Amino acid sequence: MEQLLDWMQAGARGREFVSIGEMMDSVGRRSFGPLVLLAGVILVTPLSGVPGIPTVMGLLTLLTLGQVFLGLNHFWLPGWIVQRRVARHRLEKALQWLRPFACRIDRFTRPRLMPVVHGPGLYLMALACMVISIAMPATEVVPFSSSIAGLALTAFGLAMISRDGLLALFAWGVSLTGPVLLIRNLGG
């Protein structure tokens, strides 16, 4: 995960604003896992409080993973998503905030429980991420509630990249308990 943060920081260097497309270019447009991770990481930072960001990240994830089911090797996104921009200082602040967590996470991820992250397991993870993405516009109503979905997407993205089935099981737990916690908090 630290490598992803390094790539994003390097991609932002020298710019006043950084677009989603530039962030995607920095992590690579051929791999779906880093894009899910990118969306999740953005959603667990204070950037998720910026109006429209949760919905854009949901669309990014939905469009990206929908292309997995089409069997594409690299993905396409519409220009209005790719051109959405964030101030570099906000991005750098978010990356700085994430760095200690990324360092700890990198020490614990490794390939394990491979059936959970390969073949049908990978498609089930992609489907779960798509369902989370569809719910993202609803998280705009409750400030920072998208962070729960972001945690699940981050864990799914990391699991896809590191082939860590244990991490995928954690992501499943977050994605299944997150809505329950949100509904309970809204209800009373």
N, C-alpha and C. Protein backbone atom coordinates (compact mmCIF):
# COMPACT_ATOMS: atom_id res chain seq x y z
N MET A 1 0.83 -1.19 0.00
CA MET A 1 0.00 0.00 0.00
C MET A 1 0.87 1.25 0.00
N GLU A 2 2.03 1.19 0.67
CA GLU A 2 2.94 2.34 0.66
C GLU A 2 3.37 2.67 -0.76
N GLN A 3 3.57 1.63 -1.56
CA GLN A 3 3.98 1.85 -2.95
C GLN A 3 2.89 2.62 -3.71
N LEU A 4 1.62 2.27 -3.47
CA LEU A 4 0.52 2.99 -4.10
C LEU A 4 0.54 4.46 -3.70
N LEU A 5 0.75 4.75 -2.41
CA LEU A 5 0.81 6.13 -1.93
C LEU A 5 1.99 6.87 -2.58
N ASP A 6 3.13 6.19 -2.71
CA ASP A 6 4.29 6.80 -3.36
C ASP A 6 3.98 7.15 -4.81
N TRP A 7 3.31 6.23 -5.51
CA TRP A 7 2.96 6.47 -6.91
C TRP A 7 2.03 7.67 -7.03
N MET A 8 1.04 7.74 -6.13
CA MET A 8 0.10 8.85 -6.18
C MET A 8 0.79 10.17 -5.87
N GLN A 9 1.69 10.17 -4.90
CA GLN A 9 2.41 11.40 -4.55
C GLN A 9 3.31 11.84 -5.69
N ALA A 10 3.99 10.89 -6.32
CA ALA A 10 4.86 11.23 -7.45
C ALA A 10 4.03 11.77 -8.62
N GLY A 11 2.83 11.20 -8.83
CA GLY A 11 1.97 11.67 -9.90
C GLY A 11 1.43 13.07 -9.67
N ALA A 12 1.38 13.49 -8.40
CA ALA A 12 0.84 14.83 -8.07
C ALA A 12 1.91 15.91 -8.07
N ARG A 13 3.16 15.50 -8.03
CA ARG A 13 4.27 16.46 -7.91
C ARG A 13 4.22 17.50 -9.03
N GLY A 14 4.35 18.76 -8.63
CA GLY A 14 4.42 19.85 -9.58
C GLY A 14 3.08 20.35 -10.11
N ARG A 15 1.99 19.84 -9.58
CA ARG A 15 0.65 20.25 -10.05
C ARG A 15 -0.09 20.96 -8.91
N GLU A 16 -0.95 21.88 -9.28
CA GLU A 16 -1.79 22.55 -8.28
C GLU A 16 -3.02 21.69 -7.98
N PHE A 17 -3.55 21.05 -9.03
CA PHE A 17 -4.69 20.15 -8.91
C PHE A 17 -4.32 18.83 -9.55
N VAL A 18 -4.90 17.74 -9.04
CA VAL A 18 -4.63 16.41 -9.57
C VAL A 18 -5.97 15.79 -9.96
N SER A 19 -6.05 15.30 -11.18
CA SER A 19 -7.30 14.69 -11.65
C SER A 19 -7.34 13.21 -11.29
N ILE A 20 -8.54 12.65 -11.32
CA ILE A 20 -8.71 11.21 -11.10
C ILE A 20 -7.90 10.45 -12.16
N GLY A 21 -7.91 10.94 -13.39
CA GLY A 21 -7.14 10.30 -14.46
C GLY A 21 -5.65 10.27 -14.17
N GLU A 22 -5.13 11.37 -13.64
CA GLU A 22 -3.70 11.42 -13.29
C GLU A 22 -3.38 10.46 -12.15
N MET A 23 -4.31 10.34 -11.18
CA MET A 23 -4.11 9.36 -10.11
C MET A 23 -4.14 7.95 -10.66
N MET A 24 -5.06 7.69 -11.61
CA MET A 24 -5.15 6.37 -12.23
C MET A 24 -3.88 6.05 -13.01
N ASP A 25 -3.37 7.03 -13.73
CA ASP A 25 -2.13 6.82 -14.48
C ASP A 25 -0.98 6.48 -13.54
N SER A 26 -0.98 7.10 -12.36
CA SER A 26 0.13 6.85 -11.42
C SER A 26 0.09 5.44 -10.85
N VAL A 27 -1.10 4.83 -10.73
CA VAL A 27 -1.18 3.47 -10.19
C VAL A 27 -1.29 2.41 -11.28
N GLY A 28 -1.56 2.82 -12.51
CA GLY A 28 -1.61 1.88 -13.62
C GLY A 28 -3.03 1.58 -14.05
N ARG A 29 -3.28 1.65 -15.33
CA ARG A 29 -4.63 1.44 -15.86
C ARG A 29 -4.89 -0.01 -16.27
N ARG A 30 -3.95 -0.90 -16.06
CA ARG A 30 -4.15 -2.29 -16.47
C ARG A 30 -4.65 -3.15 -15.31
N SER A 31 -4.49 -2.69 -14.11
CA SER A 31 -4.82 -3.51 -12.95
C SER A 31 -6.06 -2.96 -12.26
N PHE A 32 -7.00 -3.84 -11.99
CA PHE A 32 -8.25 -3.43 -11.36
C PHE A 32 -8.09 -3.26 -9.85
N GLY A 33 -7.27 -4.09 -9.21
CA GLY A 33 -7.07 -4.02 -7.76
C GLY A 33 -6.61 -2.65 -7.28
N PRO A 34 -5.57 -2.06 -7.90
CA PRO A 34 -5.14 -0.74 -7.45
C PRO A 34 -6.22 0.33 -7.58
N LEU A 35 -7.10 0.20 -8.57
CA LEU A 35 -8.17 1.19 -8.71
C LEU A 35 -9.20 1.07 -7.61
N VAL A 36 -9.52 -0.16 -7.23
CA VAL A 36 -10.44 -0.36 -6.10
C VAL A 36 -9.78 0.17 -4.84
N LEU A 37 -8.50 -0.11 -4.69
CA LEU A 37 -7.75 0.38 -3.54
C LEU A 37 -7.71 1.91 -3.55
N LEU A 38 -7.45 2.51 -4.70
CA LEU A 38 -7.42 3.97 -4.81
C LEU A 38 -8.75 4.57 -4.37
N ALA A 39 -9.86 4.03 -4.86
CA ALA A 39 -11.19 4.55 -4.47
C ALA A 39 -11.40 4.38 -2.98
N GLY A 40 -11.03 3.22 -2.45
CA GLY A 40 -11.19 2.98 -1.01
C GLY A 40 -10.35 3.91 -0.17
N VAL A 41 -9.10 4.11 -0.58
CA VAL A 41 -8.19 4.98 0.16
C VAL A 41 -8.73 6.41 0.18
N ILE A 42 -9.21 6.88 -0.94
CA ILE A 42 -9.77 8.24 -0.99
C ILE A 42 -10.97 8.35 -0.05
N LEU A 43 -11.76 7.28 0.04
CA LEU A 43 -12.97 7.31 0.87
C LEU A 43 -12.70 7.19 2.36
N VAL A 44 -11.55 6.67 2.76
CA VAL A 44 -11.25 6.59 4.20
C VAL A 44 -10.50 7.82 4.69
N THR A 45 -10.17 8.73 3.79
CA THR A 45 -9.50 9.96 4.17
C THR A 45 -10.54 11.08 4.32
N PRO A 46 -10.12 12.22 4.83
CA PRO A 46 -11.04 13.36 4.91
C PRO A 46 -11.58 13.82 3.54
N LEU A 47 -10.97 13.37 2.45
CA LEU A 47 -11.49 13.72 1.13
C LEU A 47 -12.91 13.20 0.93
N SER A 48 -13.31 12.18 1.69
CA SER A 48 -14.67 11.64 1.53
C SER A 48 -15.73 12.65 1.96
N GLY A 49 -15.34 13.67 2.71
CA GLY A 49 -16.28 14.71 3.11
C GLY A 49 -16.52 15.77 2.05
N VAL A 50 -15.73 15.74 0.98
CA VAL A 50 -15.92 16.69 -0.12
C VAL A 50 -17.15 16.25 -0.91
N PRO A 51 -18.15 17.13 -1.04
CA PRO A 51 -19.37 16.74 -1.76
C PRO A 51 -19.06 16.19 -3.15
N GLY A 52 -19.68 15.07 -3.46
CA GLY A 52 -19.52 14.45 -4.77
C GLY A 52 -18.44 13.38 -4.84
N ILE A 53 -17.45 13.45 -3.96
CA ILE A 53 -16.35 12.47 -4.01
C ILE A 53 -16.86 11.04 -3.78
N PRO A 54 -17.70 10.76 -2.77
CA PRO A 54 -18.18 9.38 -2.62
C PRO A 54 -18.91 8.86 -3.85
N THR A 55 -19.73 9.70 -4.46
CA THR A 55 -20.45 9.26 -5.66
C THR A 55 -19.49 9.01 -6.82
N VAL A 56 -18.51 9.89 -7.01
CA VAL A 56 -17.54 9.71 -8.08
C VAL A 56 -16.72 8.44 -7.85
N MET A 57 -16.31 8.19 -6.60
CA MET A 57 -15.55 6.97 -6.30
C MET A 57 -16.40 5.72 -6.50
N GLY A 58 -17.70 5.83 -6.18
CA GLY A 58 -18.61 4.71 -6.43
C GLY A 58 -18.73 4.43 -7.92
N LEU A 59 -18.87 5.47 -8.72
CA LEU A 59 -18.94 5.30 -10.17
C LEU A 59 -17.64 4.74 -10.74
N LEU A 60 -16.52 5.25 -10.23
CA LEU A 60 -15.21 4.76 -10.67
C LEU A 60 -15.10 3.25 -10.43
N THR A 61 -15.47 2.83 -9.23
CA THR A 61 -15.39 1.41 -8.87
C THR A 61 -16.38 0.58 -9.69
N LEU A 62 -17.59 1.07 -9.80
CA LEU A 62 -18.62 0.34 -10.54
C LEU A 62 -18.24 0.16 -12.00
N LEU A 63 -17.81 1.23 -12.64
CA LEU A 63 -17.41 1.14 -14.05
C LEU A 63 -16.18 0.27 -14.24
N THR A 64 -15.23 0.39 -13.33
CA THR A 64 -14.00 -0.39 -13.44
C THR A 64 -14.29 -1.88 -13.30
N LEU A 65 -15.00 -2.26 -12.23
CA LEU A 65 -15.23 -3.68 -11.98
C LEU A 65 -16.27 -4.27 -12.92
N GLY A 66 -17.16 -3.44 -13.44
CA GLY A 66 -18.08 -3.94 -14.46
C GLY A 66 -17.32 -4.45 -15.67
N GLN A 67 -16.19 -3.84 -15.93
CA GLN A 67 -15.36 -4.26 -17.06
C GLN A 67 -14.63 -5.57 -16.79
N VAL A 68 -14.46 -5.93 -15.50
CA VAL A 68 -13.89 -7.25 -15.16
C VAL A 68 -14.83 -8.33 -15.69
N PHE A 69 -16.14 -8.12 -15.49
CA PHE A 69 -17.12 -9.11 -15.94
C PHE A 69 -17.22 -9.19 -17.46
N LEU A 70 -16.76 -8.13 -18.14
CA LEU A 70 -16.73 -8.16 -19.60
C LEU A 70 -15.46 -8.82 -20.13
N GLY A 71 -14.53 -9.15 -19.20
CA GLY A 71 -13.30 -9.82 -19.59
C GLY A 71 -12.23 -8.90 -20.16
N LEU A 72 -12.33 -7.60 -19.90
CA LEU A 72 -11.33 -6.67 -20.42
C LEU A 72 -10.05 -6.73 -19.60
N ASN A 73 -8.91 -6.51 -20.26
CA ASN A 73 -7.61 -6.54 -19.59
C ASN A 73 -7.22 -5.21 -18.98
N HIS A 74 -7.73 -4.12 -19.50
CA HIS A 74 -7.54 -2.80 -18.91
C HIS A 74 -8.83 -2.03 -19.10
N PHE A 75 -9.00 -0.97 -18.38
CA PHE A 75 -10.31 -0.36 -18.30
C PHE A 75 -10.39 1.02 -18.93
N TRP A 76 -11.62 1.41 -19.18
CA TRP A 76 -11.98 2.70 -19.73
C TRP A 76 -12.92 3.38 -18.76
N LEU A 77 -12.80 4.69 -18.61
CA LEU A 77 -13.73 5.50 -17.82
C LEU A 77 -14.11 6.74 -18.61
N PRO A 78 -15.32 7.26 -18.40
CA PRO A 78 -15.73 8.47 -19.13
C PRO A 78 -14.90 9.67 -18.70
N GLY A 79 -14.76 10.61 -19.63
CA GLY A 79 -13.94 11.79 -19.39
C GLY A 79 -14.35 12.62 -18.19
N TRP A 80 -15.65 12.72 -17.90
CA TRP A 80 -16.08 13.56 -16.78
C TRP A 80 -15.64 12.99 -15.44
N ILE A 81 -15.41 11.68 -15.34
CA ILE A 81 -14.86 11.11 -14.11
C ILE A 81 -13.34 11.30 -14.09
N VAL A 82 -12.71 10.98 -15.21
CA VAL A 82 -11.25 11.07 -15.30
C VAL A 82 -10.76 12.51 -15.09
N GLN A 83 -11.57 13.48 -15.48
CA GLN A 83 -11.15 14.89 -15.38
C GLN A 83 -11.49 15.53 -14.04
N ARG A 84 -12.24 14.85 -13.17
CA ARG A 84 -12.57 15.40 -11.84
C ARG A 84 -11.26 15.63 -11.08
N ARG A 85 -11.14 16.83 -10.47
CA ARG A 85 -9.86 17.20 -9.86
C ARG A 85 -9.98 17.45 -8.36
N VAL A 86 -8.85 17.24 -7.68
CA VAL A 86 -8.71 17.51 -6.26
C VAL A 86 -7.46 18.38 -6.10
N ALA A 87 -7.51 19.32 -5.18
CA ALA A 87 -6.33 20.15 -4.92
C ALA A 87 -5.19 19.28 -4.42
N ARG A 88 -3.99 19.52 -4.97
CA ARG A 88 -2.82 18.71 -4.60
C ARG A 88 -2.57 18.76 -3.10
N HIS A 89 -2.73 19.92 -2.47
CA HIS A 89 -2.46 20.00 -1.03
C HIS A 89 -3.42 19.12 -0.24
N ARG A 90 -4.67 18.98 -0.69
CA ARG A 90 -5.62 18.07 -0.02
C ARG A 90 -5.19 16.61 -0.22
N LEU A 91 -4.79 16.29 -1.43
CA LEU A 91 -4.34 14.93 -1.71
C LEU A 91 -3.11 14.59 -0.88
N GLU A 92 -2.14 15.51 -0.84
CA GLU A 92 -0.92 15.24 -0.07
C GLU A 92 -1.20 15.12 1.42
N LYS A 93 -2.13 15.92 1.92
CA LYS A 93 -2.51 15.82 3.33
C LYS A 93 -3.13 14.45 3.61
N ALA A 94 -4.00 14.00 2.71
CA ALA A 94 -4.63 12.69 2.86
C ALA A 94 -3.59 11.57 2.79
N LEU A 95 -2.64 11.68 1.87
CA LEU A 95 -1.60 10.65 1.74
C LEU A 95 -0.72 10.61 2.98
N GLN A 96 -0.40 11.77 3.52
CA GLN A 96 0.41 11.85 4.74
C GLN A 96 -0.32 11.19 5.91
N TRP A 97 -1.62 11.43 5.99
CA TRP A 97 -2.44 10.85 7.04
C TRP A 97 -2.46 9.32 6.92
N LEU A 98 -2.46 8.80 5.69
CA LEU A 98 -2.54 7.36 5.45
C LEU A 98 -1.22 6.62 5.62
N ARG A 99 -0.11 7.30 5.45
CA ARG A 99 1.20 6.64 5.41
C ARG A 99 1.49 5.71 6.59
N PRO A 100 1.25 6.12 7.85
CA PRO A 100 1.53 5.20 8.97
C PRO A 100 0.69 3.92 8.90
N PHE A 101 -0.56 4.07 8.46
CA PHE A 101 -1.42 2.90 8.33
C PHE A 101 -0.93 1.98 7.22
N ALA A 102 -0.50 2.57 6.12
CA ALA A 102 0.00 1.80 4.98
C ALA A 102 1.22 0.98 5.38
N CYS A 103 2.10 1.57 6.15
CA CYS A 103 3.31 0.88 6.60
C CYS A 103 2.94 -0.36 7.42
N ARG A 104 1.99 -0.19 8.32
CA ARG A 104 1.56 -1.33 9.16
C ARG A 104 0.87 -2.40 8.33
N ILE A 105 0.03 -1.98 7.41
CA ILE A 105 -0.72 -2.93 6.58
C ILE A 105 0.23 -3.76 5.73
N ASP A 106 1.24 -3.12 5.16
CA ASP A 106 2.19 -3.83 4.29
C ASP A 106 2.92 -4.95 5.03
N ARG A 107 3.10 -4.80 6.32
CA ARG A 107 3.79 -5.84 7.09
C ARG A 107 2.95 -7.10 7.27
N PHE A 108 1.63 -6.98 7.13
CA PHE A 108 0.75 -8.11 7.42
C PHE A 108 0.15 -8.79 6.19
N THR A 109 0.20 -8.15 5.04
CA THR A 109 -0.42 -8.76 3.86
C THR A 109 0.56 -9.68 3.15
N ARG A 110 0.02 -10.80 2.67
CA ARG A 110 0.81 -11.77 1.90
C ARG A 110 -0.15 -12.76 1.24
N PRO A 111 0.29 -13.46 0.21
CA PRO A 111 -0.59 -14.45 -0.42
C PRO A 111 -0.97 -15.57 0.55
N ARG A 112 -2.27 -15.79 0.72
CA ARG A 112 -2.79 -16.87 1.57
C ARG A 112 -4.27 -17.06 1.27
N LEU A 113 -4.79 -18.22 1.60
CA LEU A 113 -6.19 -18.58 1.34
C LEU A 113 -6.57 -18.23 -0.11
N MET A 114 -5.76 -18.72 -1.02
CA MET A 114 -5.86 -18.34 -2.43
C MET A 114 -7.23 -18.57 -3.08
N PRO A 115 -7.98 -19.61 -2.74
CA PRO A 115 -9.29 -19.78 -3.39
C PRO A 115 -10.25 -18.59 -3.17
N VAL A 116 -10.04 -17.86 -2.09
CA VAL A 116 -10.91 -16.71 -1.78
C VAL A 116 -10.65 -15.56 -2.75
N VAL A 117 -9.44 -15.48 -3.32
CA VAL A 117 -9.08 -14.34 -4.17
C VAL A 117 -8.82 -14.70 -5.63
N HIS A 118 -9.02 -15.95 -6.01
CA HIS A 118 -8.82 -16.38 -7.40
C HIS A 118 -10.12 -16.94 -7.96
N GLY A 119 -10.22 -16.96 -9.27
CA GLY A 119 -11.36 -17.57 -9.95
C GLY A 119 -12.68 -17.00 -9.48
N PRO A 120 -13.60 -17.89 -9.07
CA PRO A 120 -14.91 -17.42 -8.62
C PRO A 120 -14.82 -16.46 -7.42
N GLY A 121 -13.84 -16.66 -6.57
CA GLY A 121 -13.65 -15.77 -5.42
C GLY A 121 -13.39 -14.34 -5.85
N LEU A 122 -12.59 -14.17 -6.90
CA LEU A 122 -12.29 -12.84 -7.42
C LEU A 122 -13.56 -12.19 -7.98
N TYR A 123 -14.36 -12.98 -8.71
CA TYR A 123 -15.60 -12.43 -9.26
C TYR A 123 -16.59 -12.07 -8.15
N LEU A 124 -16.63 -12.85 -7.08
CA LEU A 124 -17.51 -12.51 -5.96
C LEU A 124 -17.05 -11.22 -5.28
N MET A 125 -15.72 -11.04 -5.15
CA MET A 125 -15.21 -9.79 -4.57
C MET A 125 -15.57 -8.61 -5.47
N ALA A 126 -15.43 -8.78 -6.77
CA ALA A 126 -15.77 -7.70 -7.71
C ALA A 126 -17.26 -7.37 -7.60
N LEU A 127 -18.09 -8.39 -7.49
CA LEU A 127 -19.53 -8.16 -7.35
C LEU A 127 -19.84 -7.41 -6.04
N ALA A 128 -19.20 -7.79 -4.95
CA ALA A 128 -19.40 -7.10 -3.67
C ALA A 128 -19.01 -5.63 -3.78
N CYS A 129 -17.89 -5.37 -4.43
CA CYS A 129 -17.43 -3.98 -4.61
C CYS A 129 -18.42 -3.19 -5.46
N MET A 130 -19.03 -3.84 -6.44
CA MET A 130 -20.01 -3.17 -7.28
C MET A 130 -21.27 -2.82 -6.48
N VAL A 131 -21.69 -3.72 -5.60
CA VAL A 131 -22.86 -3.45 -4.75
C VAL A 131 -22.55 -2.28 -3.82
N ILE A 132 -21.36 -2.26 -3.24
CA ILE A 132 -20.94 -1.15 -2.39
C ILE A 132 -20.98 0.15 -3.19
N SER A 133 -20.50 0.09 -4.41
CA SER A 133 -20.45 1.28 -5.28
C SER A 133 -21.83 1.83 -5.58
N ILE A 134 -22.77 0.95 -5.78
CA ILE A 134 -24.15 1.38 -6.06
C ILE A 134 -24.73 2.14 -4.87
N ALA A 135 -24.30 1.77 -3.66
CA ALA A 135 -24.81 2.43 -2.45
C ALA A 135 -24.10 3.75 -2.14
N MET A 136 -23.02 4.07 -2.82
CA MET A 136 -22.23 5.25 -2.49
C MET A 136 -23.00 6.57 -2.54
N PRO A 137 -23.86 6.82 -3.52
CA PRO A 137 -24.59 8.10 -3.49
C PRO A 137 -25.40 8.30 -2.20
N ALA A 138 -25.91 7.22 -1.63
CA ALA A 138 -26.67 7.32 -0.38
C ALA A 138 -25.78 7.78 0.78
N THR A 139 -24.49 7.50 0.71
CA THR A 139 -23.59 7.91 1.80
C THR A 139 -23.32 9.40 1.80
N GLU A 140 -23.72 10.09 0.74
CA GLU A 140 -23.55 11.54 0.68
C GLU A 140 -24.44 12.23 1.73
N VAL A 141 -25.52 11.57 2.14
CA VAL A 141 -26.47 12.15 3.07
C VAL A 141 -25.89 12.24 4.48
N VAL A 142 -25.16 11.21 4.90
CA VAL A 142 -24.55 11.18 6.23
C VAL A 142 -23.06 11.44 6.05
N PRO A 143 -22.58 12.61 6.48
CA PRO A 143 -21.17 12.96 6.28
C PRO A 143 -20.21 11.88 6.80
N PHE A 144 -19.25 11.56 5.98
CA PHE A 144 -18.18 10.62 6.28
C PHE A 144 -18.65 9.16 6.46
N SER A 145 -19.92 8.86 6.20
CA SER A 145 -20.37 7.47 6.29
C SER A 145 -19.76 6.64 5.16
N SER A 146 -19.30 7.31 4.13
CA SER A 146 -18.66 6.60 3.02
C SER A 146 -17.34 5.97 3.47
N SER A 147 -16.84 6.36 4.62
CA SER A 147 -15.59 5.79 5.12
C SER A 147 -15.73 4.30 5.43
N ILE A 148 -16.93 3.87 5.84
CA ILE A 148 -17.16 2.44 6.09
C ILE A 148 -17.03 1.67 4.78
N ALA A 149 -17.69 2.19 3.74
CA ALA A 149 -17.59 1.57 2.41
C ALA A 149 -16.15 1.65 1.92
N GLY A 150 -15.48 2.77 2.21
CA GLY A 150 -14.09 2.94 1.81
C GLY A 150 -13.18 1.91 2.45
N LEU A 151 -13.45 1.58 3.72
CA LEU A 151 -12.65 0.56 4.40
C LEU A 151 -12.82 -0.79 3.71
N ALA A 152 -14.07 -1.13 3.35
CA ALA A 152 -14.31 -2.40 2.65
C ALA A 152 -13.62 -2.41 1.29
N LEU A 153 -13.75 -1.31 0.53
CA LEU A 153 -13.11 -1.25 -0.79
C LEU A 153 -11.59 -1.30 -0.66
N THR A 154 -11.05 -0.62 0.35
CA THR A 154 -9.60 -0.66 0.56
C THR A 154 -9.14 -2.09 0.83
N ALA A 155 -9.86 -2.78 1.71
CA ALA A 155 -9.50 -4.17 2.03
C ALA A 155 -9.65 -5.08 0.82
N PHE A 156 -10.73 -4.92 0.06
CA PHE A 156 -10.90 -5.73 -1.16
C PHE A 156 -9.78 -5.42 -2.16
N GLY A 157 -9.46 -4.15 -2.36
CA GLY A 157 -8.39 -3.78 -3.28
C GLY A 157 -7.05 -4.35 -2.87
N LEU A 158 -6.73 -4.24 -1.58
CA LEU A 158 -5.48 -4.83 -1.08
C LEU A 158 -5.47 -6.34 -1.24
N ALA A 159 -6.62 -6.97 -0.98
CA ALA A 159 -6.70 -8.42 -1.14
C ALA A 159 -6.47 -8.83 -2.59
N MET A 160 -7.01 -8.05 -3.53
CA MET A 160 -6.81 -8.35 -4.94
C MET A 160 -5.35 -8.21 -5.33
N ILE A 161 -4.70 -7.15 -4.83
CA ILE A 161 -3.30 -6.90 -5.18
C ILE A 161 -2.37 -7.92 -4.55
N SER A 162 -2.56 -8.17 -3.25
CA SER A 162 -1.62 -9.04 -2.52
C SER A 162 -2.03 -10.51 -2.54
N ARG A 163 -3.19 -10.81 -3.13
CA ARG A 163 -3.72 -12.18 -3.18
C ARG A 163 -3.90 -12.74 -1.76
N ASP A 164 -4.36 -11.87 -0.87
CA ASP A 164 -4.52 -12.22 0.54
C ASP A 164 -5.97 -12.54 0.84
N GLY A 165 -6.28 -13.84 0.90
CA GLY A 165 -7.63 -14.29 1.17
C GLY A 165 -8.11 -13.94 2.56
N LEU A 166 -7.22 -13.90 3.54
CA LEU A 166 -7.61 -13.51 4.89
C LEU A 166 -8.08 -12.06 4.90
N LEU A 167 -7.38 -11.21 4.18
CA LEU A 167 -7.79 -9.81 4.07
C LEU A 167 -9.13 -9.70 3.33
N ALA A 168 -9.34 -10.55 2.34
CA ALA A 168 -10.62 -10.56 1.63
C ALA A 168 -11.76 -10.94 2.58
N LEU A 169 -11.51 -11.88 3.47
CA LEU A 169 -12.53 -12.26 4.45
C LEU A 169 -12.84 -11.09 5.39
N PHE A 170 -11.81 -10.33 5.77
CA PHE A 170 -12.03 -9.12 6.57
C PHE A 170 -12.90 -8.13 5.79
N ALA A 171 -12.60 -7.95 4.51
CA ALA A 171 -13.38 -7.03 3.67
C ALA A 171 -14.84 -7.47 3.60
N TRP A 172 -15.05 -8.79 3.49
CA TRP A 172 -16.42 -9.29 3.48
C TRP A 172 -17.11 -8.94 4.80
N GLY A 173 -16.41 -9.09 5.90
CA GLY A 173 -16.99 -8.76 7.20
C GLY A 173 -17.39 -7.30 7.30
N VAL A 174 -16.50 -6.41 6.84
CA VAL A 174 -16.79 -4.97 6.87
C VAL A 174 -17.97 -4.66 5.95
N SER A 175 -17.97 -5.23 4.76
CA SER A 175 -19.03 -4.91 3.80
C SER A 175 -20.38 -5.44 4.25
N LEU A 176 -20.39 -6.49 5.04
CA LEU A 176 -21.67 -7.03 5.52
C LEU A 176 -22.14 -6.36 6.81
N THR A 177 -21.22 -5.91 7.66
CA THR A 177 -21.62 -5.26 8.92
C THR A 177 -21.77 -3.75 8.78
N GLY A 178 -21.08 -3.15 7.82
CA GLY A 178 -21.15 -1.70 7.62
C GLY A 178 -22.57 -1.18 7.45
N PRO A 179 -23.37 -1.76 6.55
CA PRO A 179 -24.74 -1.27 6.38
C PRO A 179 -25.58 -1.41 7.66
N VAL A 180 -25.37 -2.49 8.40
CA VAL A 180 -26.12 -2.69 9.64
C VAL A 180 -25.79 -1.57 10.64
N LEU A 181 -24.50 -1.26 10.78
CA LEU A 181 -24.10 -0.18 11.69
C LEU A 181 -24.66 1.16 11.25
N LEU A 182 -24.63 1.42 9.97
CA LEU A 182 -25.14 2.69 9.43
C LEU A 182 -26.64 2.83 9.68
N ILE A 183 -27.38 1.77 9.42
CA ILE A 183 -28.83 1.81 9.63
C ILE A 183 -29.15 1.98 11.12
N ARG A 184 -28.42 1.29 11.97
CA ARG A 184 -28.65 1.42 13.42
C ARG A 184 -28.37 2.84 13.88
N ASN A 185 -27.32 3.48 13.35
CA ASN A 185 -27.00 4.84 13.73
C ASN A 185 -28.01 5.84 13.21
N LEU A 186 -28.55 5.60 12.03
CA LEU A 186 -29.56 6.49 11.47
C LEU A 186 -30.89 6.34 12.21
N GLY A 187 -31.17 5.12 12.67
CA GLY A 187 -32.44 4.85 13.33
C GLY A 187 -32.51 5.32 14.77
N GLY A 188 -31.43 5.58 15.39
CA GLY A 188 -31.60 6.02 16.76
C GLY A 188 -30.37 6.08 17.53
